Amino acid sequence: MTAPEMDLGAGRGAAGRRAPVYQAVVFDLDGTVVDSVELIIVSFQHAIREVLGRELSREEAIAWVGMPLREQMERFSPDHADELVEVYREFNHREHDRMLTLYEGIEDLLHRLRKAGVKVGLVTSKSRFTTQMAFDLTGIETYFAATICAGEASGNKPDPDPILACLAQLGVAPSMAAYVGDSPSDIQAALAANVTAIAVTWGVFTEQRLAAEKPDMLVHTIPVLTEYLGV
């Protein structure tokens, strides 16, 4: 790990397992809880091809992932942002159930957190509609005691407000919480909210790109994340 490591043996009880490190853990959705990377990439490529008539590289497609969709489309073309969003959503919704899956080990982690008494939240830049699509497909909605989607707080990531709004619903102070995400905007939002920023490398962005944001932890696998969280 490029971010500082913690002594995973510290604080263990007689049973050999540490108490949970945080009172609340809040997750990003895309690229963190659900594997939607290819769905996102091909949806962007389809929309840019259909509306702007050009091919989009994978690197361009993920450049602003983590922001709300319309903000991303405005970066491609302010004049065509509405049409880009419409074409993206039509394709994305049509292919959603075929291409989106849970990352292996995530549901077990969510179960362990809940069993340990840790409050679990979700903060995503997806709309409420598409978030519900992911919930309906994967069956994980019941694990989250609070969910904040795009437009449901006074700002969107990288603004800290969505994370703070989620923690307010959970009744947990930022100093006792962590945010887990896979994008630069996730890390920026977490640091601005004064929660522990945990970057995961199994999503959209490279380890180098995430490390540049100076997260508190940089984690490569779900088992390591589970161990770090103490569940």
C-alpha atoms as a PDB file:
ATOM      1  CA  MET A   1       0.000   0.000   0.000  1.00  0.00           C
ATOM      2  CA  THR A   2       1.221   3.469  -0.776  1.00  0.00           C
ATOM      3  CA  ALA A   3      -0.870   5.117   1.945  1.00  0.00           C
ATOM      4  CA  PRO A   4       0.135   4.455   5.567  1.00  0.00           C
ATOM      5  CA  GLU A   5      -0.689   0.954   6.823  1.00  0.00           C
ATOM      6  CA  MET A   6      -2.238   0.201  10.171  1.00  0.00           C
ATOM      7  CA  ASP A   7      -1.157  -2.585  12.537  1.00  0.00           C
ATOM      8  CA  LEU A   8      -3.936  -5.091  11.940  1.00  0.00           C
ATOM      9  CA  GLY A   9      -3.025  -6.941  15.111  1.00  0.00           C
ATOM     10  CA  ALA A  10      -3.585  -3.968  17.411  1.00  0.00           C
ATOM     11  CA  GLY A  11      -6.527  -4.025  19.794  1.00  0.00           C
ATOM     12  CA  ARG A  12      -7.493  -7.700  19.320  1.00  0.00           C
ATOM     13  CA  GLY A  13      -9.517  -9.371  22.022  1.00  0.00           C
ATOM     14  CA  ALA A  14      -9.434 -12.933  23.293  1.00  0.00           C
ATOM     15  CA  ALA A  15     -11.306 -14.168  20.238  1.00  0.00           C
ATOM     16  CA  GLY A  16      -8.528 -12.839  18.021  1.00  0.00           C
ATOM     17  CA  ARG A  17     -10.622 -10.193  16.274  1.00  0.00           C
ATOM     18  CA  ARG A  18     -10.443  -6.445  16.805  1.00  0.00           C
ATOM     19  CA  ALA A  19     -13.503  -4.405  17.671  1.00  0.00           C
ATOM     20  CA  PRO A  20     -14.874  -2.480  14.667  1.00  0.00           C
ATOM     21  CA  VAL A  21     -12.689   0.524  13.923  1.00  0.00           C
ATOM     22  CA  TYR A  22     -15.568   2.885  13.045  1.00  0.00           C
ATOM     23  CA  GLN A  23     -19.114   3.532  14.218  1.00  0.00           C
ATOM     24  CA  ALA A  24     -20.150   4.106  10.602  1.00  0.00           C
ATOM     25  CA  VAL A  25     -18.780   3.138   7.196  1.00  0.00           C
ATOM     26  CA  VAL A  26     -20.178   4.894   4.131  1.00  0.00           C
ATOM     27  CA  PHE A  27     -19.623   3.490   0.641  1.00  0.00           C
ATOM     28  CA  ASP A  28     -19.602   4.797  -2.887  1.00  0.00           C
ATOM     29  CA  LEU A  29     -21.610   2.589  -5.270  1.00  0.00           C
ATOM     30  CA  ASP A  30     -20.137   2.358  -8.786  1.00  0.00           C
ATOM     31  CA  GLY A  31     -16.701   0.758  -8.847  1.00  0.00           C
ATOM     32  CA  THR A  32     -16.764   0.195  -5.091  1.00  0.00           C
ATOM     33  CA  VAL A  33     -19.790  -1.927  -4.227  1.00  0.00           C
ATOM     34  CA  VAL A  34     -20.967  -2.845  -7.727  1.00  0.00           C
ATOM     35  CA  ASP A  35     -18.843  -3.644 -10.750  1.00  0.00           C
ATOM     36  CA  SER A  36     -20.281  -1.256 -13.315  1.00  0.00           C
ATOM     37  CA  VAL A  37     -16.999  -0.209 -14.914  1.00  0.00           C
ATOM     38  CA  GLU A  38     -17.612  -1.700 -18.365  1.00  0.00           C
ATOM     39  CA  LEU A  39     -21.239  -0.556 -18.326  1.00  0.00           C
ATOM     40  CA  ILE A  40     -20.148   3.018 -17.633  1.00  0.00           C
ATOM     41  CA  ILE A  41     -17.443   2.983 -20.295  1.00  0.00           C
ATOM     42  CA  VAL A  42     -19.577   1.572 -23.085  1.00  0.00           C
ATOM     43  CA  SER A  43     -22.483   3.864 -22.146  1.00  0.00           C
ATOM     44  CA  PHE A  44     -20.256   6.922 -22.501  1.00  0.00           C
ATOM     45  CA  GLN A  45     -18.781   5.643 -25.747  1.00  0.00           C
ATOM     46  CA  HIS A  46     -22.258   5.015 -27.154  1.00  0.00           C
ATOM     47  CA  ALA A  47     -23.556   8.460 -26.184  1.00  0.00           C
ATOM     48  CA  ILE A  48     -20.545  10.349 -27.573  1.00  0.00           C
ATOM     49  CA  ARG A  49     -20.662   8.337 -30.793  1.00  0.00           C
ATOM     50  CA  GLU A  50     -24.393   8.876 -31.307  1.00  0.00           C
ATOM     51  CA  VAL A  51     -24.538  12.560 -30.362  1.00  0.00           C
ATOM     52  CA  LEU A  52     -21.107  13.986 -31.195  1.00  0.00           C
ATOM     53  CA  GLY A  53     -20.087  11.553 -33.925  1.00  0.00           C
ATOM     54  CA  ARG A  54     -16.683  10.607 -32.535  1.00  0.00           C
ATOM     55  CA  GLU A  55     -15.075   7.666 -30.821  1.00  0.00           C
ATOM     56  CA  LEU A  56     -14.217   7.959 -27.145  1.00  0.00           C
ATOM     57  CA  SER A  57     -11.230   6.206 -25.587  1.00  0.00           C
ATOM     58  CA  ARG A  58     -11.544   4.319 -22.301  1.00  0.00           C
ATOM     59  CA  GLU A  59      -9.356   6.951 -20.648  1.00  0.00           C
ATOM     60  CA  GLU A  60     -11.674   9.769 -21.764  1.00  0.00           C
ATOM     61  CA  ALA A  61     -14.747   7.807 -20.697  1.00  0.00           C
ATOM     62  CA  ILE A  62     -13.578   7.487 -17.079  1.00  0.00           C
ATOM     63  CA  ALA A  63     -11.904  10.885 -16.718  1.00  0.00           C
ATOM     64  CA  TRP A  64     -14.703  12.428 -14.629  1.00  0.00           C
ATOM     65  CA  VAL A  65     -16.365   9.343 -13.200  1.00  0.00           C
ATOM     66  CA  GLY A  66     -17.580  10.066  -9.684  1.00  0.00           C
ATOM     67  CA  MET A  67     -19.355  13.286 -10.612  1.00  0.00           C
ATOM     68  CA  PRO A  68     -23.089  13.469 -11.432  1.00  0.00           C
ATOM     69  CA  LEU A  69     -23.811  12.447 -15.009  1.00  0.00           C
ATOM     70  CA  ARG A  70     -24.871  15.837 -16.312  1.00  0.00           C
ATOM     71  CA  GLU A  71     -21.725  17.494 -14.959  1.00  0.00           C
ATOM     72  CA  GLN A  72     -19.672  14.897 -16.819  1.00  0.00           C
ATOM     73  CA  MET A  73     -21.568  15.469 -20.052  1.00  0.00           C
ATOM     74  CA  GLU A  74     -21.105  19.232 -19.790  1.00  0.00           C
ATOM     75  CA  ARG A  75     -17.369  18.604 -19.906  1.00  0.00           C
ATOM     76  CA  PHE A  76     -17.765  16.819 -23.229  1.00  0.00           C
ATOM     77  CA  SER A  77     -20.144  19.390 -24.754  1.00  0.00           C
ATOM     78  CA  PRO A  78     -22.097  22.061 -22.854  1.00  0.00           C
ATOM     79  CA  ASP A  79     -24.339  22.602 -25.865  1.00  0.00           C
ATOM     80  CA  HIS A  80     -25.294  18.929 -26.141  1.00  0.00           C
ATOM     81  CA  ALA A  81     -25.266  17.921 -22.469  1.00  0.00           C
ATOM     82  CA  ASP A  82     -28.999  17.232 -22.235  1.00  0.00           C
ATOM     83  CA  GLU A  83     -29.013  15.049 -25.338  1.00  0.00           C
ATOM     84  CA  LEU A  84     -25.880  13.222 -24.174  1.00  0.00           C
ATOM     85  CA  VAL A  85     -27.514  12.441 -20.828  1.00  0.00           C
ATOM     86  CA  GLU A  86     -30.665  11.180 -22.536  1.00  0.00           C
ATOM     87  CA  VAL A  87     -28.788   8.892 -24.958  1.00  0.00           C
ATOM     88  CA  TYR A  88     -26.465   7.644 -22.192  1.00  0.00           C
ATOM     89  CA  ARG A  89     -29.363   6.792 -19.893  1.00  0.00           C
ATOM     90  CA  GLU A  90     -31.359   5.010 -22.567  1.00  0.00           C
ATOM     91  CA  PHE A  91     -28.418   2.731 -23.363  1.00  0.00           C
ATOM     92  CA  ASN A  92     -27.278   2.367 -19.740  1.00  0.00           C
ATOM     93  CA  HIS A  93     -30.714   1.388 -18.458  1.00  0.00           C
ATOM     94  CA  ARG A  94     -31.219  -1.079 -21.301  1.00  0.00           C
ATOM     95  CA  GLU A  95     -27.896  -2.847 -20.613  1.00  0.00           C
ATOM     96  CA  HIS A  96     -27.883  -2.397 -16.825  1.00  0.00           C
ATOM     97  CA  ASP A  97     -29.084  -5.793 -15.626  1.00  0.00           C
ATOM     98  CA  ARG A  98     -26.909  -7.645 -18.121  1.00  0.00           C
ATOM     99  CA  MET A  99     -23.652  -5.849 -17.274  1.00  0.00           C
ATOM    100  CA  LEU A 100     -23.779  -4.866 -13.591  1.00  0.00           C
ATOM    101  CA  THR A 101     -22.752  -7.241 -10.794  1.00  0.00           C
ATOM    102  CA  LEU A 102     -21.717  -7.102  -7.140  1.00  0.00           C
ATOM    103  CA  TYR A 103     -18.017  -7.366  -6.448  1.00  0.00           C
ATOM    104  CA  GLU A 104     -17.256 -10.746  -4.898  1.00  0.00           C
ATOM    105  CA  GLY A 105     -17.028 -10.411  -1.123  1.00  0.00           C
ATOM    106  CA  ILE A 106     -18.918  -7.120  -0.838  1.00  0.00           C
ATOM    107  CA  GLU A 107     -22.172  -8.573   0.451  1.00  0.00           C
ATOM    108  CA  ASP A 108     -20.258 -10.557   3.064  1.00  0.00           C
ATOM    109  CA  LEU A 109     -18.521  -7.351   4.171  1.00  0.00           C
ATOM    110  CA  LEU A 110     -21.842  -5.494   4.430  1.00  0.00           C
ATOM    111  CA  HIS A 111     -23.272  -8.376   6.444  1.00  0.00           C
ATOM    112  CA  ARG A 112     -20.275  -8.404   8.786  1.00  0.00           C
ATOM    113  CA  LEU A 113     -20.495  -4.650   9.365  1.00  0.00           C
ATOM    114  CA  ARG A 114     -24.184  -4.801  10.205  1.00  0.00           C
ATOM    115  CA  LYS A 115     -23.683  -7.828  12.473  1.00  0.00           C
ATOM    116  CA  ALA A 116     -20.921  -5.954  14.330  1.00  0.00           C
ATOM    117  CA  GLY A 117     -23.257  -3.013  14.959  1.00  0.00           C
ATOM    118  CA  VAL A 118     -21.555  -0.663  12.497  1.00  0.00           C
ATOM    119  CA  LYS A 119     -23.931   1.731  10.766  1.00  0.00           C
ATOM    120  CA  VAL A 120     -23.637   1.470   6.982  1.00  0.00           C
ATOM    121  CA  GLY A 121     -24.432   4.229   4.510  1.00  0.00           C
ATOM    122  CA  LEU A 122     -24.221   4.873   0.790  1.00  0.00           C
ATOM    123  CA  VAL A 123     -23.289   8.114  -0.984  1.00  0.00           C
ATOM    124  CA  THR A 124     -23.389   7.981  -4.763  1.00  0.00           C
ATOM    125  CA  SER A 125     -23.395  10.369  -7.704  1.00  0.00           C
ATOM    126  CA  LYS A 126     -25.972   8.164  -9.414  1.00  0.00           C
ATOM    127  CA  SER A 127     -29.584   9.292  -9.571  1.00  0.00           C
ATOM    128  CA  ARG A 128     -32.079   7.792  -7.139  1.00  0.00           C
ATOM    129  CA  PHE A 129     -33.673   5.922 -10.060  1.00  0.00           C
ATOM    130  CA  THR A 130     -30.487   4.190 -11.202  1.00  0.00           C
ATOM    131  CA  THR A 131     -29.421   3.531  -7.615  1.00  0.00           C
ATOM    132  CA  GLN A 132     -32.724   1.744  -7.084  1.00  0.00           C
ATOM    133  CA  MET A 133     -32.065  -0.275 -10.245  1.00  0.00           C
ATOM    134  CA  ALA A 134     -28.809  -1.493  -8.692  1.00  0.00           C
ATOM    135  CA  PHE A 135     -30.564  -2.255  -5.397  1.00  0.00           C
ATOM    136  CA  ASP A 136     -33.313  -4.217  -7.133  1.00  0.00           C
ATOM    137  CA  LEU A 137     -30.790  -6.241  -9.144  1.00  0.00           C
ATOM    138  CA  THR A 138     -28.408  -7.075  -6.287  1.00  0.00           C
ATOM    139  CA  GLY A 139     -30.713  -7.164  -3.244  1.00  0.00           C
ATOM    140  CA  ILE A 140     -28.362  -5.114  -1.040  1.00  0.00           C
ATOM    141  CA  GLU A 141     -30.631  -2.174  -0.195  1.00  0.00           C
ATOM    142  CA  THR A 142     -31.441  -3.434   3.296  1.00  0.00           C
ATOM    143  CA  TYR A 143     -27.787  -3.180   4.375  1.00  0.00           C
ATOM    144  CA  PHE A 144     -27.812   0.621   4.075  1.00  0.00           C
ATOM    145  CA  ALA A 145     -29.357   2.608   6.900  1.00  0.00           C
ATOM    146  CA  ALA A 146     -28.991   5.838   4.898  1.00  0.00           C
ATOM    147  CA  THR A 147     -28.556   6.513   1.185  1.00  0.00           C
ATOM    148  CA  ILE A 148     -27.760   9.862  -0.441  1.00  0.00           C
ATOM    149  CA  CYS A 149     -27.965  10.084  -4.247  1.00  0.00           C
ATOM    150  CA  ALA A 150     -27.117  12.854  -6.719  1.00  0.00           C
ATOM    151  CA  GLY A 151     -28.999  16.065  -6.009  1.00  0.00           C
ATOM    152  CA  GLU A 152     -30.162  15.007  -2.538  1.00  0.00           C
ATOM    153  CA  ALA A 153     -27.673  17.163  -0.614  1.00  0.00           C
ATOM    154  CA  SER A 154     -26.684  20.803  -1.000  1.00  0.00           C
ATOM    155  CA  GLY A 155     -23.726  19.765  -3.158  1.00  0.00           C
ATOM    156  CA  ASN A 156     -22.381  16.727  -4.982  1.00  0.00           C
ATOM    157  CA  LYS A 157     -19.031  14.963  -4.617  1.00  0.00           C
ATOM    158  CA  PRO A 158     -16.271  16.182  -4.395  1.00  0.00           C
ATOM    159  CA  ASP A 159     -18.223  18.497  -2.088  1.00  0.00           C
ATOM    160  CA  PRO A 160     -18.398  16.949   1.422  1.00  0.00           C
ATOM    161  CA  ASP A 161     -22.109  17.696   1.888  1.00  0.00           C
ATOM    162  CA  PRO A 162     -23.469  14.314   0.694  1.00  0.00           C
ATOM    163  CA  ILE A 163     -21.219  12.422   3.121  1.00  0.00           C
ATOM    164  CA  LEU A 164     -22.094  14.782   5.967  1.00  0.00           C
ATOM    165  CA  ALA A 165     -25.811  14.461   5.155  1.00  0.00           C
ATOM    166  CA  CYS A 166     -25.509  10.685   5.248  1.00  0.00           C
ATOM    167  CA  LEU A 167     -23.697  10.758   8.600  1.00  0.00           C
ATOM    168  CA  ALA A 168     -26.340  13.100  10.009  1.00  0.00           C
ATOM    169  CA  GLN A 169     -28.998  10.525   9.116  1.00  0.00           C
ATOM    170  CA  LEU A 170     -26.894   7.783  10.689  1.00  0.00           C
ATOM    171  CA  GLY A 171     -26.270   9.880  13.813  1.00  0.00           C
ATOM    172  CA  VAL A 172     -22.482   9.433  13.698  1.00  0.00           C
ATOM    173  CA  ALA A 173     -19.797  12.122  13.937  1.00  0.00           C
ATOM    174  CA  PRO A 174     -17.289  12.404  11.056  1.00  0.00           C
ATOM    175  CA  SER A 175     -14.413  11.560  13.404  1.00  0.00           C
ATOM    176  CA  MET A 176     -15.952   8.119  13.956  1.00  0.00           C
ATOM    177  CA  ALA A 177     -16.649   7.340  10.308  1.00  0.00           C
ATOM    178  CA  ALA A 178     -14.925   6.224   7.113  1.00  0.00           C
ATOM    179  CA  TYR A 179     -15.831   6.681   3.468  1.00  0.00           C
ATOM    180  CA  VAL A 180     -14.871   4.007   0.935  1.00  0.00           C
ATOM    181  CA  GLY A 181     -14.613   4.930  -2.742  1.00  0.00           C
ATOM    182  CA  ASP A 182     -12.749   4.347  -5.979  1.00  0.00           C
ATOM    183  CA  SER A 183     -12.496   7.811  -7.546  1.00  0.00           C
ATOM    184  CA  PRO A 184     -10.592  11.040  -6.916  1.00  0.00           C
ATOM    185  CA  SER A 185     -13.872  12.823  -6.159  1.00  0.00           C
ATOM    186  CA  ASP A 186     -14.630  10.204  -3.489  1.00  0.00           C
ATOM    187  CA  ILE A 187     -11.314  10.849  -1.760  1.00  0.00           C
ATOM    188  CA  GLN A 188     -11.643  14.616  -2.052  1.00  0.00           C
ATOM    189  CA  ALA A 189     -15.146  14.510  -0.562  1.00  0.00           C
ATOM    190  CA  ALA A 190     -14.060  12.253   2.293  1.00  0.00           C
ATOM    191  CA  LEU A 191     -11.081  14.398   3.218  1.00  0.00           C
ATOM    192  CA  ALA A 192     -13.202  17.549   3.081  1.00  0.00           C
ATOM    193  CA  ALA A 193     -15.778  15.887   5.356  1.00  0.00           C
ATOM    194  CA  ASN A 194     -13.051  14.984   7.879  1.00  0.00           C
ATOM    195  CA  VAL A 195     -13.794  11.265   7.712  1.00  0.00           C
ATOM    196  CA  THR A 196     -11.196   8.569   7.073  1.00  0.00           C
ATOM    197  CA  ALA A 197     -10.723   8.388   3.300  1.00  0.00           C
ATOM    198  CA  ILE A 198     -10.299   4.807   2.078  1.00  0.00           C
ATOM    199  CA  ALA A 199      -9.467   4.433  -1.613  1.00  0.00           C
ATOM    200  CA  VAL A 200     -10.018   1.063  -3.291  1.00  0.00           C
ATOM    201  CA  THR A 201      -8.222   0.006  -6.449  1.00  0.00           C
ATOM    202  CA  TRP A 202     -10.687  -2.534  -7.886  1.00  0.00           C
ATOM    203  CA  GLY A 203     -12.819   0.151  -9.548  1.00  0.00           C
ATOM    204  CA  VAL A 204     -12.312   2.644 -12.350  1.00  0.00           C
ATOM    205  CA  PHE A 205      -9.108   4.509 -11.469  1.00  0.00           C
ATOM    206  CA  THR A 206      -5.493   3.400 -11.220  1.00  0.00           C
ATOM    207  CA  GLU A 207      -3.584   3.085  -7.970  1.00  0.00           C
ATOM    208  CA  GLN A 208      -1.321   5.956  -9.031  1.00  0.00           C
ATOM    209  CA  ARG A 209      -4.255   8.284  -9.723  1.00  0.00           C
ATOM    210  CA  LEU A 210      -5.830   7.476  -6.365  1.00  0.00           C
ATOM    211  CA  ALA A 211      -2.561   7.755  -4.429  1.00  0.00           C
ATOM    212  CA  ALA A 212      -2.107  11.274  -5.813  1.00  0.00           C
ATOM    213  CA  GLU A 213      -5.164  12.346  -3.795  1.00  0.00           C
ATOM    214  CA  LYS A 214      -3.446  11.241  -0.559  1.00  0.00           C
ATOM    215  CA  PRO A 215      -6.150   8.995   0.931  1.00  0.00           C
ATOM    216  CA  ASP A 216      -5.732   7.810   4.502  1.00  0.00           C
ATOM    217  CA  MET A 217      -5.744   4.198   3.273  1.00  0.00           C
ATOM    218  CA  LEU A 218      -5.225   2.627  -0.146  1.00  0.00           C
ATOM    219  CA  VAL A 219      -6.699  -0.874  -0.282  1.00  0.00           C
ATOM    220  CA  HIS A 220      -6.326  -3.450  -3.059  1.00  0.00           C
ATOM    221  CA  THR A 221      -8.684  -6.250  -2.023  1.00  0.00           C
ATOM    222  CA  ILE A 222     -11.997  -6.676  -0.220  1.00  0.00           C
ATOM    223  CA  PRO A 223     -10.529  -9.140   2.342  1.00  0.00           C
ATOM    224  CA  VAL A 224      -7.924  -6.529   3.337  1.00  0.00           C
ATOM    225  CA  LEU A 225     -10.662  -3.884   3.628  1.00  0.00           C
ATOM    226  CA  THR A 226     -12.704  -6.250   5.804  1.00  0.00           C
ATOM    227  CA  GLU A 227      -9.714  -6.859   8.079  1.00  0.00           C
ATOM    228  CA  TYR A 228      -8.917  -3.159   8.331  1.00  0.00           C
ATOM    229  CA  LEU A 229     -12.502  -2.333   9.341  1.00  0.00           C
ATOM    230  CA  GLY A 230     -12.272  -4.897  12.123  1.00  0.00           C
ATOM    231  CA  VAL A 231     -15.166  -7.121  11.089  1.00  0.00           C
END
